[in-house]
């Protein structure tokens, strides 16, 4: 079989971007965060059941991203960011539940 999918060099460089290099605070978003951002954008322009589905995808993808950051973040800041996002998600979802 073939080698598999290879990312073109310019795209690979963009995907490896992080700032600052020695203590990354900002970096190119990974797949769960890209899905969460896309679902959030889609939820803003949809109504009814499509809106609810987009919000569900947003919450699920952001939860995966937050867990991955909290568990495997590059440094203490990234791990704290993931933990804070998990707390935000828990409080947001709790606020959506019926009393």
C-alpha atoms as a PDB file:
ATOM      1  CA  UNK A   1       0.000   0.000   0.000  1.00  0.00           C
ATOM      2  CA  UNK A   2       0.932   3.696  -0.193  1.00  0.00           C
ATOM      3  CA  UNK A   3       2.565   5.815   2.466  1.00  0.00           C
ATOM      4  CA  UNK A   4      -0.584   7.526   3.668  1.00  0.00           C
ATOM      5  CA  UNK A   5      -1.574  11.156   3.741  1.00  0.00           C
ATOM      6  CA  UNK A   6       1.270  13.674   3.904  1.00  0.00           C
ATOM      7  CA  UNK A   7       0.634  17.267   4.900  1.00  0.00           C
ATOM      8  CA  UNK A   8       2.292  19.781   2.535  1.00  0.00           C
ATOM      9  CA  UNK A   9       5.278  21.537   4.151  1.00  0.00           C
ATOM     10  CA  UNK A  10       3.702  25.034   4.354  1.00  0.00           C
ATOM     11  CA  UNK A  11       0.573  23.619   6.005  1.00  0.00           C
ATOM     12  CA  UNK A  12       2.699  21.596   8.431  1.00  0.00           C
ATOM     13  CA  UNK A  13       4.588  24.739   9.453  1.00  0.00           C
ATOM     14  CA  UNK A  14       1.334  26.585  10.151  1.00  0.00           C
ATOM     15  CA  UNK A  15      -0.003  23.637  12.151  1.00  0.00           C
ATOM     16  CA  UNK A  16       3.157  23.614  14.303  1.00  0.00           C
ATOM     17  CA  UNK A  17       2.867  27.333  15.126  1.00  0.00           C
ATOM     18  CA  UNK A  18       2.927  28.250  18.814  1.00  0.00           C
ATOM     19  CA  UNK A  19       3.766  31.406  20.722  1.00  0.00           C
ATOM     20  CA  UNK A  20       6.075  31.867  22.512  1.00  0.00           C
ATOM     21  CA  UNK A  21       8.183  28.935  21.361  1.00  0.00           C
ATOM     22  CA  UNK A  22       9.659  27.996  24.760  1.00  0.00           C
ATOM     23  CA  UNK A  23       6.390  28.329  26.763  1.00  0.00           C
ATOM     24  CA  UNK A  24       3.412  28.018  24.397  1.00  0.00           C
ATOM     25  CA  UNK A  25       0.388  30.002  25.471  1.00  0.00           C
ATOM     26  CA  UNK A  26      -1.194  30.285  22.024  1.00  0.00           C
ATOM     27  CA  UNK A  27      -0.943  27.637  19.333  1.00  0.00           C
ATOM     28  CA  UNK A  28      -2.690  26.440  16.185  1.00  0.00           C
ATOM     29  CA  UNK A  29      -6.004  24.835  17.243  1.00  0.00           C
ATOM     30  CA  UNK A  30      -6.198  21.053  17.277  1.00  0.00           C
ATOM     31  CA  UNK A  31      -9.051  19.039  15.736  1.00  0.00           C
ATOM     32  CA  UNK A  32     -11.499  19.091  18.707  1.00  0.00           C
ATOM     33  CA  UNK A  33     -11.149  22.868  19.033  1.00  0.00           C
ATOM     34  CA  UNK A  34     -11.648  23.389  15.290  1.00  0.00           C
ATOM     35  CA  UNK A  35     -14.832  21.265  15.456  1.00  0.00           C
ATOM     36  CA  UNK A  36     -16.037  23.236  18.511  1.00  0.00           C
ATOM     37  CA  UNK A  37     -15.442  26.580  16.794  1.00  0.00           C
ATOM     38  CA  UNK A  38     -17.185  25.426  13.609  1.00  0.00           C
ATOM     39  CA  UNK A  39     -20.163  24.080  15.568  1.00  0.00           C
ATOM     40  CA  UNK A  40     -20.411  27.331  17.535  1.00  0.00           C
ATOM     41  CA  UNK A  41     -20.438  29.343  14.300  1.00  0.00           C
ATOM     42  CA  UNK A  42     -23.067  27.036  12.812  1.00  0.00           C
ATOM     43  CA  UNK A  43     -25.222  27.307  15.952  1.00  0.00           C
ATOM     44  CA  UNK A  44     -25.273  31.099  15.564  1.00  0.00           C
ATOM     45  CA  UNK A  45     -26.909  30.886  12.142  1.00  0.00           C
ATOM     46  CA  UNK A  46     -29.303  27.968  12.685  1.00  0.00           C
ATOM     47  CA  UNK A  47     -32.595  27.564  14.528  1.00  0.00           C
ATOM     48  CA  UNK A  48     -34.631  24.736  15.991  1.00  0.00           C
ATOM     49  CA  UNK A  49     -33.248  21.211  16.054  1.00  0.00           C
ATOM     50  CA  UNK A  50     -30.223  22.141  13.888  1.00  0.00           C
ATOM     51  CA  UNK A  51     -29.288  24.783  16.460  1.00  0.00           C
ATOM     52  CA  UNK A  52     -29.621  22.260  19.291  1.00  0.00           C
ATOM     53  CA  UNK A  53     -27.510  19.716  17.390  1.00  0.00           C
ATOM     54  CA  UNK A  54     -24.782  22.292  16.709  1.00  0.00           C
ATOM     55  CA  UNK A  55     -24.718  23.314  20.368  1.00  0.00           C
ATOM     56  CA  UNK A  56     -24.431  19.653  21.390  1.00  0.00           C
ATOM     57  CA  UNK A  57     -21.490  19.158  19.027  1.00  0.00           C
ATOM     58  CA  UNK A  58     -19.930  22.360  20.402  1.00  0.00           C
ATOM     59  CA  UNK A  59     -20.179  21.168  24.007  1.00  0.00           C
ATOM     60  CA  UNK A  60     -18.873  17.685  23.189  1.00  0.00           C
ATOM     61  CA  UNK A  61     -15.921  18.902  21.119  1.00  0.00           C
ATOM     62  CA  UNK A  62     -14.994  21.584  23.644  1.00  0.00           C
ATOM     63  CA  UNK A  63     -15.150  18.999  26.432  1.00  0.00           C
ATOM     64  CA  UNK A  64     -12.754  16.732  24.518  1.00  0.00           C
ATOM     65  CA  UNK A  65     -10.409  19.684  23.896  1.00  0.00           C
ATOM     66  CA  UNK A  66     -10.536  20.810  27.542  1.00  0.00           C
ATOM     67  CA  UNK A  67      -9.893  17.303  28.846  1.00  0.00           C
ATOM     68  CA  UNK A  68      -6.950  16.823  26.480  1.00  0.00           C
ATOM     69  CA  UNK A  69      -5.461  20.184  27.503  1.00  0.00           C
ATOM     70  CA  UNK A  70      -5.961  19.491  31.211  1.00  0.00           C
ATOM     71  CA  UNK A  71      -4.426  16.041  30.875  1.00  0.00           C
ATOM     72  CA  UNK A  72      -1.688  16.538  28.272  1.00  0.00           C
ATOM     73  CA  UNK A  73      -1.106  20.299  27.953  1.00  0.00           C
ATOM     74  CA  UNK A  74       2.408  21.439  27.019  1.00  0.00           C
ATOM     75  CA  UNK A  75       2.904  23.359  30.282  1.00  0.00           C
ATOM     76  CA  UNK A  76       1.135  24.357  33.494  1.00  0.00           C
ATOM     77  CA  UNK A  77      -0.656  27.252  31.774  1.00  0.00           C
ATOM     78  CA  UNK A  78      -2.172  25.011  29.098  1.00  0.00           C
ATOM     79  CA  UNK A  79      -3.213  22.431  31.721  1.00  0.00           C
ATOM     80  CA  UNK A  80      -4.808  25.186  33.850  1.00  0.00           C
ATOM     81  CA  UNK A  81      -6.589  26.499  30.732  1.00  0.00           C
ATOM     82  CA  UNK A  82      -8.038  23.039  30.113  1.00  0.00           C
ATOM     83  CA  UNK A  83      -9.138  22.723  33.739  1.00  0.00           C
ATOM     84  CA  UNK A  84     -10.785  26.157  33.657  1.00  0.00           C
ATOM     85  CA  UNK A  85     -12.592  25.221  30.453  1.00  0.00           C
ATOM     86  CA  UNK A  86     -13.877  22.028  32.097  1.00  0.00           C
ATOM     87  CA  UNK A  87     -15.222  24.078  35.022  1.00  0.00           C
ATOM     88  CA  UNK A  88     -16.868  26.504  32.595  1.00  0.00           C
ATOM     89  CA  UNK A  89     -18.469  23.646  30.694  1.00  0.00           C
ATOM     90  CA  UNK A  90     -19.758  21.988  33.876  1.00  0.00           C
ATOM     91  CA  UNK A  91     -21.333  25.234  35.094  1.00  0.00           C
ATOM     92  CA  UNK A  92     -22.798  26.030  31.651  1.00  0.00           C
ATOM     93  CA  UNK A  93     -24.334  22.595  31.268  1.00  0.00           C
ATOM     94  CA  UNK A  94     -25.645  22.663  34.860  1.00  0.00           C
ATOM     95  CA  UNK A  95     -27.291  26.007  34.104  1.00  0.00           C
ATOM     96  CA  UNK A  96     -29.066  24.494  31.089  1.00  0.00           C
ATOM     97  CA  UNK A  97     -30.639  21.658  33.101  1.00  0.00           C
ATOM     98  CA  UNK A  98     -34.261  22.064  34.156  1.00  0.00           C
ATOM     99  CA  UNK A  99     -34.804  22.761  37.838  1.00  0.00           C
END
